[in-house]
């Protein structure tokens, strides 16, 4: 197991009493899951690809989620240009995930910054039914949680392939 269940930082005693709290707690949980799956890995391990022809790696996953944080804010009507993807390389988040400590450090910095910007954006609105851009905040949060949950499963498999660790 990754951590003793009694010490799992994803499990809190905080009671979610409303929809906003429930959604934000789910988002926090899955963001932390992605982070936990990468703990203790070096640049080579972070950049290790899953299985050909896939370019998926844990480093690519961190870069992809930073890109997705921006995507969800674009759906909400914010000006959030792409970070890694370009017209020439639509998979730049994955393709640029190379075994370089500076690339790993930048990916984590970028992901944390993007997550914080998303959190500040959401906090500006009291009503999750607020229509911003193409969708309501509720719809955007559910899409974001779904994306993190989906990739948490990928992270499980990627980490197991690297060092055999599996976990909750």
C-alpha atoms as a PDB file:
ATOM      1  CA  UNK A   1       0.000   0.000   0.000  1.00  0.00           C
ATOM      2  CA  UNK A   2       1.121   3.544  -0.644  1.00  0.00           C
ATOM      3  CA  UNK A   3       0.510   4.766   2.857  1.00  0.00           C
ATOM      4  CA  UNK A   4      -0.967   3.415   6.040  1.00  0.00           C
ATOM      5  CA  UNK A   5      -4.717   4.110   5.768  1.00  0.00           C
ATOM      6  CA  UNK A   6      -4.552   5.995   9.069  1.00  0.00           C
ATOM      7  CA  UNK A   7      -1.918   8.340   7.569  1.00  0.00           C
ATOM      8  CA  UNK A   8      -3.440   8.801   4.115  1.00  0.00           C
ATOM      9  CA  UNK A   9      -3.562  12.570   3.491  1.00  0.00           C
ATOM     10  CA  UNK A  10      -6.446  12.096   1.060  1.00  0.00           C
ATOM     11  CA  UNK A  11      -8.677  10.860   3.854  1.00  0.00           C
ATOM     12  CA  UNK A  12      -9.852  13.673   6.054  1.00  0.00           C
ATOM     13  CA  UNK A  13     -12.344  13.794   8.854  1.00  0.00           C
ATOM     14  CA  UNK A  14     -13.878  16.887   7.268  1.00  0.00           C
ATOM     15  CA  UNK A  15     -17.569  16.404   6.672  1.00  0.00           C
ATOM     16  CA  UNK A  16     -18.776  17.619   3.313  1.00  0.00           C
ATOM     17  CA  UNK A  17     -22.161  19.182   3.874  1.00  0.00           C
ATOM     18  CA  UNK A  18     -22.980  20.549   0.456  1.00  0.00           C
ATOM     19  CA  UNK A  19     -22.418  20.031  -3.240  1.00  0.00           C
ATOM     20  CA  UNK A  20     -19.550  22.522  -3.485  1.00  0.00           C
ATOM     21  CA  UNK A  21     -17.705  20.893  -0.604  1.00  0.00           C
ATOM     22  CA  UNK A  22     -18.216  17.435  -2.043  1.00  0.00           C
ATOM     23  CA  UNK A  23     -16.953  18.409  -5.495  1.00  0.00           C
ATOM     24  CA  UNK A  24     -13.961  20.353  -4.197  1.00  0.00           C
ATOM     25  CA  UNK A  25     -13.038  17.504  -1.844  1.00  0.00           C
ATOM     26  CA  UNK A  26     -13.168  15.046  -4.756  1.00  0.00           C
ATOM     27  CA  UNK A  27     -10.954  17.299  -6.848  1.00  0.00           C
ATOM     28  CA  UNK A  28      -8.472  17.645  -3.948  1.00  0.00           C
ATOM     29  CA  UNK A  29      -8.471  13.865  -3.458  1.00  0.00           C
ATOM     30  CA  UNK A  30      -7.652  13.055  -7.083  1.00  0.00           C
ATOM     31  CA  UNK A  31      -5.056  15.801  -7.434  1.00  0.00           C
ATOM     32  CA  UNK A  32      -3.314  14.423  -4.372  1.00  0.00           C
ATOM     33  CA  UNK A  33      -3.553  10.880  -5.752  1.00  0.00           C
ATOM     34  CA  UNK A  34      -1.644  11.934  -8.883  1.00  0.00           C
ATOM     35  CA  UNK A  35       0.986  13.594  -6.728  1.00  0.00           C
ATOM     36  CA  UNK A  36       1.315  10.583  -4.404  1.00  0.00           C
ATOM     37  CA  UNK A  37       1.822   8.189  -7.325  1.00  0.00           C
ATOM     38  CA  UNK A  38       4.969  10.130  -8.273  1.00  0.00           C
ATOM     39  CA  UNK A  39       6.596  10.406  -4.838  1.00  0.00           C
ATOM     40  CA  UNK A  40      10.200   9.220  -4.699  1.00  0.00           C
ATOM     41  CA  UNK A  41      10.750   8.862  -8.437  1.00  0.00           C
ATOM     42  CA  UNK A  42      13.700  10.312 -10.310  1.00  0.00           C
ATOM     43  CA  UNK A  43      13.540  12.031 -13.706  1.00  0.00           C
ATOM     44  CA  UNK A  44      14.129   8.815 -15.644  1.00  0.00           C
ATOM     45  CA  UNK A  45      11.357   7.007 -13.792  1.00  0.00           C
ATOM     46  CA  UNK A  46       8.964   9.941 -14.168  1.00  0.00           C
ATOM     47  CA  UNK A  47       9.596  10.005 -17.925  1.00  0.00           C
ATOM     48  CA  UNK A  48       9.429   6.225 -18.441  1.00  0.00           C
ATOM     49  CA  UNK A  49       6.807   5.382 -21.077  1.00  0.00           C
ATOM     50  CA  UNK A  50       4.067   2.882 -20.403  1.00  0.00           C
ATOM     51  CA  UNK A  51       4.085   0.537 -23.397  1.00  0.00           C
ATOM     52  CA  UNK A  52       4.599   1.221 -27.103  1.00  0.00           C
ATOM     53  CA  UNK A  53       3.103   2.894 -28.995  1.00  0.00           C
ATOM     54  CA  UNK A  54       1.799   4.979 -26.083  1.00  0.00           C
ATOM     55  CA  UNK A  55       3.800   8.039 -25.065  1.00  0.00           C
ATOM     56  CA  UNK A  56       2.148   8.081 -21.634  1.00  0.00           C
ATOM     57  CA  UNK A  57       4.393   8.557 -18.607  1.00  0.00           C
ATOM     58  CA  UNK A  58       3.888   9.951 -15.113  1.00  0.00           C
ATOM     59  CA  UNK A  59       5.791  13.088 -16.126  1.00  0.00           C
ATOM     60  CA  UNK A  60       3.606  13.434 -19.200  1.00  0.00           C
ATOM     61  CA  UNK A  61       0.592  12.944 -16.975  1.00  0.00           C
ATOM     62  CA  UNK A  62       1.624  15.822 -14.691  1.00  0.00           C
ATOM     63  CA  UNK A  63       2.165  18.039 -17.755  1.00  0.00           C
ATOM     64  CA  UNK A  64      -1.148  16.874 -19.227  1.00  0.00           C
ATOM     65  CA  UNK A  65      -3.031  17.746 -16.036  1.00  0.00           C
ATOM     66  CA  UNK A  66      -1.446  21.211 -15.948  1.00  0.00           C
ATOM     67  CA  UNK A  67      -2.658  21.618 -19.524  1.00  0.00           C
ATOM     68  CA  UNK A  68      -6.115  20.342 -18.532  1.00  0.00           C
ATOM     69  CA  UNK A  69      -6.365  22.810 -15.641  1.00  0.00           C
ATOM     70  CA  UNK A  70      -6.004  25.536 -18.279  1.00  0.00           C
ATOM     71  CA  UNK A  71      -8.442  23.801 -20.609  1.00  0.00           C
ATOM     72  CA  UNK A  72     -11.153  23.820 -17.970  1.00  0.00           C
ATOM     73  CA  UNK A  73     -10.585  27.526 -17.335  1.00  0.00           C
ATOM     74  CA  UNK A  74     -10.827  28.131 -21.095  1.00  0.00           C
ATOM     75  CA  UNK A  75     -14.204  26.367 -21.042  1.00  0.00           C
ATOM     76  CA  UNK A  76     -15.164  28.806 -18.284  1.00  0.00           C
ATOM     77  CA  UNK A  77     -14.320  31.717 -20.550  1.00  0.00           C
ATOM     78  CA  UNK A  78     -10.852  32.606 -19.278  1.00  0.00           C
ATOM     79  CA  UNK A  79      -7.915  33.424 -21.501  1.00  0.00           C
ATOM     80  CA  UNK A  80      -5.626  30.475 -20.730  1.00  0.00           C
ATOM     81  CA  UNK A  81      -3.259  29.729 -23.608  1.00  0.00           C
ATOM     82  CA  UNK A  82      -1.796  26.272 -23.933  1.00  0.00           C
ATOM     83  CA  UNK A  83       1.446  25.491 -22.130  1.00  0.00           C
ATOM     84  CA  UNK A  84       2.891  22.442 -23.872  1.00  0.00           C
ATOM     85  CA  UNK A  85       0.588  21.650 -26.784  1.00  0.00           C
ATOM     86  CA  UNK A  86       0.991  23.451 -30.085  1.00  0.00           C
ATOM     87  CA  UNK A  87      -0.634  23.285 -33.505  1.00  0.00           C
ATOM     88  CA  UNK A  88       2.440  21.387 -34.689  1.00  0.00           C
ATOM     89  CA  UNK A  89       2.517  19.043 -31.685  1.00  0.00           C
ATOM     90  CA  UNK A  90      -0.929  18.390 -30.232  1.00  0.00           C
ATOM     91  CA  UNK A  91       0.655  15.875 -27.852  1.00  0.00           C
ATOM     92  CA  UNK A  92       3.422  18.173 -26.645  1.00  0.00           C
ATOM     93  CA  UNK A  93       2.466  17.539 -23.029  1.00  0.00           C
ATOM     94  CA  UNK A  94       3.319  13.855 -23.506  1.00  0.00           C
ATOM     95  CA  UNK A  95       6.038  14.144 -26.157  1.00  0.00           C
ATOM     96  CA  UNK A  96       8.029  16.758 -24.227  1.00  0.00           C
ATOM     97  CA  UNK A  97       8.096  14.654 -21.062  1.00  0.00           C
ATOM     98  CA  UNK A  98      11.765  13.707 -21.193  1.00  0.00           C
ATOM     99  CA  UNK A  99      14.075  12.446 -18.445  1.00  0.00           C
ATOM    100  CA  UNK A 100      15.508  15.795 -17.385  1.00  0.00           C
ATOM    101  CA  UNK A 101      15.298  16.976 -13.764  1.00  0.00           C
ATOM    102  CA  UNK A 102      14.614  20.535 -14.947  1.00  0.00           C
ATOM    103  CA  UNK A 103      11.669  19.335 -17.043  1.00  0.00           C
ATOM    104  CA  UNK A 104      10.288  17.423 -14.045  1.00  0.00           C
ATOM    105  CA  UNK A 105      10.692  20.434 -11.743  1.00  0.00           C
ATOM    106  CA  UNK A 106       9.018  22.717 -14.284  1.00  0.00           C
ATOM    107  CA  UNK A 107       6.103  20.298 -14.727  1.00  0.00           C
ATOM    108  CA  UNK A 108       5.412  20.206 -10.989  1.00  0.00           C
ATOM    109  CA  UNK A 109       5.738  23.993 -10.679  1.00  0.00           C
ATOM    110  CA  UNK A 110       3.403  24.524 -13.618  1.00  0.00           C
ATOM    111  CA  UNK A 111       0.831  21.977 -12.388  1.00  0.00           C
ATOM    112  CA  UNK A 112       0.731  23.489  -8.898  1.00  0.00           C
ATOM    113  CA  UNK A 113       0.393  27.009 -10.279  1.00  0.00           C
ATOM    114  CA  UNK A 114      -2.398  25.977 -12.656  1.00  0.00           C
ATOM    115  CA  UNK A 115      -4.260  24.130  -9.894  1.00  0.00           C
ATOM    116  CA  UNK A 116      -4.043  27.195  -7.641  1.00  0.00           C
ATOM    117  CA  UNK A 117      -5.331  29.448 -10.442  1.00  0.00           C
ATOM    118  CA  UNK A 118      -8.275  27.109 -10.998  1.00  0.00           C
ATOM    119  CA  UNK A 119      -9.045  27.080  -7.273  1.00  0.00           C
ATOM    120  CA  UNK A 120      -8.972  30.898  -7.127  1.00  0.00           C
ATOM    121  CA  UNK A 121     -11.225  31.066 -10.184  1.00  0.00           C
ATOM    122  CA  UNK A 122     -13.801  28.708  -8.668  1.00  0.00           C
ATOM    123  CA  UNK A 123     -13.717  30.563  -5.334  1.00  0.00           C
ATOM    124  CA  UNK A 124     -14.888  33.754  -7.077  1.00  0.00           C
ATOM    125  CA  UNK A 125     -18.358  32.264  -7.589  1.00  0.00           C
ATOM    126  CA  UNK A 126     -20.808  31.334  -4.849  1.00  0.00           C
ATOM    127  CA  UNK A 127     -23.196  29.519  -7.196  1.00  0.00           C
ATOM    128  CA  UNK A 128     -21.930  26.444  -9.049  1.00  0.00           C
ATOM    129  CA  UNK A 129     -24.791  26.931 -11.492  1.00  0.00           C
ATOM    130  CA  UNK A 130     -23.120  30.101 -12.782  1.00  0.00           C
ATOM    131  CA  UNK A 131     -22.707  29.920 -16.524  1.00  0.00           C
ATOM    132  CA  UNK A 132     -19.193  30.997 -17.431  1.00  0.00           C
ATOM    133  CA  UNK A 133     -18.119  30.505 -20.995  1.00  0.00           C
ATOM    134  CA  UNK A 134     -19.293  27.201 -22.447  1.00  0.00           C
ATOM    135  CA  UNK A 135     -20.482  25.512 -19.263  1.00  0.00           C
ATOM    136  CA  UNK A 136     -21.586  26.032 -15.686  1.00  0.00           C
ATOM    137  CA  UNK A 137     -18.998  25.824 -12.939  1.00  0.00           C
ATOM    138  CA  UNK A 138     -20.672  22.609 -11.781  1.00  0.00           C
ATOM    139  CA  UNK A 139     -20.209  21.008 -15.201  1.00  0.00           C
ATOM    140  CA  UNK A 140     -16.591  22.152 -15.344  1.00  0.00           C
ATOM    141  CA  UNK A 141     -15.835  20.745 -11.893  1.00  0.00           C
ATOM    142  CA  UNK A 142     -17.433  17.401 -12.756  1.00  0.00           C
ATOM    143  CA  UNK A 143     -15.445  17.224 -16.025  1.00  0.00           C
ATOM    144  CA  UNK A 144     -12.262  18.071 -14.152  1.00  0.00           C
ATOM    145  CA  UNK A 145     -12.864  15.447 -11.450  1.00  0.00           C
ATOM    146  CA  UNK A 146     -13.632  12.873 -14.146  1.00  0.00           C
ATOM    147  CA  UNK A 147     -10.367  13.659 -15.940  1.00  0.00           C
ATOM    148  CA  UNK A 148      -8.333  13.367 -12.743  1.00  0.00           C
ATOM    149  CA  UNK A 149     -10.089  10.122 -11.752  1.00  0.00           C
ATOM    150  CA  UNK A 150      -9.446   8.647 -15.192  1.00  0.00           C
ATOM    151  CA  UNK A 151      -5.773   9.524 -15.064  1.00  0.00           C
ATOM    152  CA  UNK A 152      -5.411   8.313 -11.466  1.00  0.00           C
ATOM    153  CA  UNK A 153      -6.028   4.838 -12.857  1.00  0.00           C
ATOM    154  CA  UNK A 154      -3.350   5.383 -15.468  1.00  0.00           C
ATOM    155  CA  UNK A 155      -0.982   6.589 -12.732  1.00  0.00           C
ATOM    156  CA  UNK A 156      -1.607   3.357 -10.796  1.00  0.00           C
ATOM    157  CA  UNK A 157      -0.542   1.264 -13.765  1.00  0.00           C
ATOM    158  CA  UNK A 158       2.423   3.480 -14.635  1.00  0.00           C
ATOM    159  CA  UNK A 159       3.778   3.354 -11.088  1.00  0.00           C
ATOM    160  CA  UNK A 160       3.319  -0.395 -10.849  1.00  0.00           C
ATOM    161  CA  UNK A 161       5.298  -0.786 -14.079  1.00  0.00           C
ATOM    162  CA  UNK A 162       8.143   1.333 -12.660  1.00  0.00           C
ATOM    163  CA  UNK A 163       8.704  -0.292  -9.272  1.00  0.00           C
ATOM    164  CA  UNK A 164       5.864  -2.696  -8.574  1.00  0.00           C
ATOM    165  CA  UNK A 165       4.169  -0.419  -6.042  1.00  0.00           C
ATOM    166  CA  UNK A 166       0.429  -0.653  -6.017  1.00  0.00           C
ATOM    167  CA  UNK A 167      -1.969   1.025  -3.686  1.00  0.00           C
ATOM    168  CA  UNK A 168      -5.274   2.397  -2.775  1.00  0.00           C
END
